[in-house]
Amino acid sequence: MRADARRNRDKLVAVAREELIARGGGFVMDTVAARAGVGAGTLYRHFPTRDALVEAVYAAELEDLARAARALLDDLTPDAALREWLTRYTRFTATKRGMIDTLRAWTAEGRAPMSTTRERITAALAPLLEAGAADGSLRPDVRPDDVTLLLHGVFVATATSTDAEQGARLLDLVMDALRAAGATAPTG
């Protein structure tokens, strides 16, 4: 793909991501094109259908989230990196809520591109938990797949909450559960 075409595609995905968070599945394709600064023809060349655009947003979000785990460990202590990653995972689930109708339709059709999501999330969690166990900040007996299920429960429970702070409080409780005995929460 040419560099300008790649930039246009990336801009379209970024704007669609924002629209999905703000407007859910009711976003308007032409609005995405206009906000990205491209014509409708460019949009439809890259994404001939709304589903194609939603799938690209989903894939980009999941890739960003999976890649972030290791990158965060370069800059933060393992427990601080995990907490930041949980915040990013929360944003990922907010985007997913905007595409829930599309995701359900794909599931009903048997063509769910998110079928590997749980495995990717679990794989992203593994190095964070391992690094925390190694430095003594996180419990060594926690399995990544258990944390994935725990997080799923938090996000399902808060999906319809009107308390904007509830999700953050629950993630803090998750961190408390994952913290090693005697370890303290990072400051700042």
Protein backbone atom coordinates (compact mmCIF):
# COMPACT_ATOMS: atom_id res chain seq x y z
CA MET A 1 0.00 0.00 0.00
CA ARG A 2 1.29 3.47 -0.87
CA ALA A 3 2.19 5.70 2.07
CA ASP A 4 -0.62 8.19 1.36
CA ALA A 5 -3.16 5.37 1.06
CA ARG A 6 -1.92 3.90 4.35
CA ARG A 7 -2.24 7.31 6.05
CA ASN A 8 -5.80 7.70 4.73
CA ARG A 9 -6.73 4.22 5.90
CA ASP A 10 -5.25 4.86 9.34
CA LYS A 11 -7.10 8.20 9.61
CA LEU A 12 -10.38 6.51 8.66
CA VAL A 13 -9.88 3.80 11.28
CA ALA A 14 -9.00 6.38 13.95
CA VAL A 15 -12.06 8.52 13.21
CA ALA A 16 -14.32 5.47 13.03
CA ARG A 17 -12.97 4.39 16.42
CA GLU A 18 -13.97 7.79 17.88
CA GLU A 19 -17.39 7.62 16.21
CA LEU A 20 -18.03 4.12 17.56
CA ILE A 21 -17.27 5.28 21.08
CA ALA A 22 -19.38 8.43 20.73
CA ARG A 23 -22.29 7.17 18.64
CA GLY A 24 -22.17 3.41 18.73
CA GLY A 25 -23.23 1.48 15.67
CA GLY A 26 -25.29 4.48 14.49
CA PHE A 27 -22.28 6.31 13.09
CA VAL A 28 -22.56 7.70 9.55
CA MET A 29 -19.97 6.52 7.04
CA ASP A 30 -19.88 9.88 5.22
CA THR A 31 -19.22 11.63 8.54
CA VAL A 32 -16.24 9.36 9.09
CA ALA A 33 -14.88 10.29 5.66
CA ALA A 34 -15.43 14.02 6.22
CA ARG A 35 -13.85 14.01 9.67
CA ALA A 36 -10.87 12.05 8.31
CA GLY A 37 -10.46 14.65 5.57
CA VAL A 38 -11.01 12.26 2.69
CA GLY A 39 -13.72 11.79 0.11
CA ALA A 40 -16.40 9.13 0.27
CA GLY A 41 -14.71 7.31 -2.62
CA THR A 42 -11.54 6.91 -0.58
CA LEU A 43 -13.54 5.58 2.35
CA TYR A 44 -15.39 3.02 0.25
CA ARG A 45 -12.22 1.96 -1.60
CA HIS A 46 -10.71 0.99 1.75
CA PHE A 47 -13.91 -0.16 3.44
CA PRO A 48 -16.69 -1.10 1.01
CA THR A 49 -19.13 -1.77 3.86
CA ARG A 50 -19.81 -0.58 7.38
CA ASP A 51 -18.92 -4.08 8.61
CA ALA A 52 -15.52 -3.88 6.92
CA LEU A 53 -14.80 -0.60 8.70
CA VAL A 54 -16.00 -1.92 12.07
CA GLU A 55 -13.87 -5.03 11.63
CA ALA A 56 -10.81 -2.88 10.87
CA VAL A 57 -11.43 -0.79 13.99
CA TYR A 58 -11.82 -3.92 16.09
CA ALA A 59 -8.62 -5.44 14.71
CA ALA A 60 -6.66 -2.20 15.23
CA GLU A 61 -7.91 -1.83 18.80
CA LEU A 62 -7.03 -5.42 19.65
CA GLU A 63 -3.58 -5.12 18.08
CA ASP A 64 -2.86 -1.88 19.96
CA LEU A 65 -3.93 -3.45 23.23
CA ALA A 66 -1.91 -6.63 22.73
CA ARG A 67 1.22 -4.66 21.77
CA ALA A 68 0.86 -2.23 24.68
CA ALA A 69 1.52 -4.82 27.40
CA ARG A 70 5.20 -5.31 26.59
CA ALA A 71 5.74 -1.64 25.76
CA LEU A 72 4.38 -0.58 29.14
CA LEU A 73 6.86 -2.85 30.89
CA ASP A 74 9.68 -0.85 29.27
CA ASP A 75 8.57 2.32 31.08
CA LEU A 76 6.75 1.28 34.24
CA THR A 77 7.05 -1.13 37.13
CA PRO A 78 5.10 -4.33 36.45
CA ASP A 79 2.18 -3.45 38.75
CA ALA A 80 1.94 0.10 37.35
CA ALA A 81 2.19 -1.31 33.81
CA LEU A 82 -0.63 -3.75 34.56
CA ARG A 83 -2.85 -0.99 35.95
CA GLU A 84 -2.22 1.20 32.91
CA TRP A 85 -2.91 -1.77 30.62
CA LEU A 86 -6.21 -2.35 32.45
CA THR A 87 -7.16 1.27 31.74
CA ARG A 88 -6.40 0.71 28.06
CA TYR A 89 -8.43 -2.49 28.11
CA THR A 90 -11.33 -0.46 29.50
CA ARG A 91 -11.10 1.87 26.48
CA PHE A 92 -11.05 -1.18 24.21
CA THR A 93 -14.26 -2.46 25.76
CA ALA A 94 -15.82 1.00 25.33
CA THR A 95 -15.11 0.76 21.61
CA LYS A 96 -16.57 -2.76 21.53
CA ARG A 97 -19.78 -1.46 23.10
CA GLY A 98 -20.13 0.86 20.13
CA MET A 99 -20.02 -2.08 17.78
CA ILE A 100 -22.02 -4.55 19.85
CA ASP A 101 -24.83 -4.99 17.31
CA THR A 102 -22.33 -5.74 14.56
CA LEU A 103 -20.43 -8.16 16.79
CA ARG A 104 -23.64 -9.98 17.69
CA ALA A 105 -24.62 -10.25 14.03
CA TRP A 106 -21.22 -11.68 13.17
CA THR A 107 -21.53 -14.21 15.97
CA ALA A 108 -24.99 -15.25 14.77
CA GLU A 109 -23.59 -15.65 11.25
CA GLY A 110 -20.70 -17.74 12.57
CA ARG A 111 -18.06 -15.31 11.32
CA ALA A 112 -16.85 -13.67 14.50
CA PRO A 113 -13.45 -12.03 13.87
CA MET A 114 -13.19 -11.61 17.62
CA SER A 115 -13.01 -15.35 18.20
CA THR A 116 -9.36 -15.05 19.19
CA THR A 117 -9.85 -12.00 21.40
CA ARG A 118 -9.79 -13.89 24.69
CA GLU A 119 -6.60 -15.70 23.70
CA ARG A 120 -4.91 -12.43 22.65
CA ILE A 121 -5.94 -10.69 25.87
CA THR A 122 -4.70 -13.61 27.94
CA ALA A 123 -1.41 -13.66 26.03
CA ALA A 124 -0.99 -9.90 26.59
CA LEU A 125 -1.58 -10.31 30.32
CA ALA A 126 0.99 -13.08 30.72
CA PRO A 127 4.18 -10.97 30.56
CA LEU A 128 2.68 -8.34 32.88
CA LEU A 129 1.81 -10.96 35.49
CA GLU A 130 5.13 -12.76 35.07
CA ALA A 131 7.13 -9.55 35.51
CA GLY A 132 5.08 -8.64 38.59
CA ALA A 133 5.59 -12.08 40.10
CA ALA A 134 9.33 -11.82 39.41
CA ASP A 135 9.70 -8.45 41.15
CA GLY A 136 7.36 -9.40 44.00
CA SER A 137 4.70 -6.79 43.28
CA LEU A 138 2.08 -9.25 41.98
CA ARG A 139 0.98 -12.65 43.21
CA PRO A 140 2.87 -15.52 41.60
CA ASP A 141 -0.11 -17.89 41.71
CA VAL A 142 -2.39 -15.93 39.36
CA ARG A 143 -3.07 -17.36 35.92
CA PRO A 144 -3.60 -14.98 33.00
CA ASP A 145 -6.78 -16.77 31.90
CA ASP A 146 -8.27 -16.26 35.36
CA VAL A 147 -7.58 -12.53 35.14
CA THR A 148 -9.15 -12.42 31.67
CA LEU A 149 -12.35 -13.94 33.05
CA LEU A 150 -12.30 -11.63 36.06
CA LEU A 151 -11.99 -8.60 33.79
CA HIS A 152 -14.79 -9.88 31.60
CA GLY A 153 -17.00 -9.98 34.68
CA VAL A 154 -16.06 -6.40 35.60
CA PHE A 155 -16.87 -5.13 32.11
CA VAL A 156 -20.15 -7.00 31.86
CA ALA A 157 -21.17 -5.73 35.30
CA THR A 158 -20.39 -2.11 34.44
CA ALA A 159 -21.71 -2.13 30.86
CA THR A 160 -24.93 -0.37 31.82
CA SER A 161 -23.72 1.45 34.91
CA THR A 162 -24.46 5.15 35.17
CA ASP A 163 -21.64 5.55 37.70
CA ALA A 164 -18.74 6.79 35.58
CA GLU A 165 -16.21 6.00 38.33
CA GLN A 166 -17.40 2.47 39.09
CA GLY A 167 -15.21 0.82 36.45
CA ALA A 168 -12.05 2.47 37.80
CA ARG A 169 -12.95 1.46 41.37
CA LEU A 170 -13.49 -2.13 40.29
CA LEU A 171 -10.17 -2.17 38.44
CA ASP A 172 -8.49 -0.92 41.61
CA LEU A 173 -10.09 -3.84 43.45
CA VAL A 174 -8.80 -6.22 40.77
CA MET A 175 -5.31 -4.77 41.29
CA ASP A 176 -5.66 -5.24 45.05
CA ALA A 177 -6.54 -8.88 44.45
CA LEU A 178 -3.53 -9.35 42.17
CA ARG A 179 -1.01 -7.56 44.37
CA ALA A 180 1.39 -9.77 46.29
CA ALA A 181 1.01 -9.96 50.06
CA GLY A 182 2.83 -7.04 51.63
CA ALA A 183 3.26 -5.18 48.31
CA THR A 184 1.92 -1.65 48.14
CA ALA A 185 0.23 0.12 45.26
CA PRO A 186 2.54 2.29 43.16
CA THR A 187 2.15 6.00 43.77
CA GLY A 188 1.55 8.65 41.16
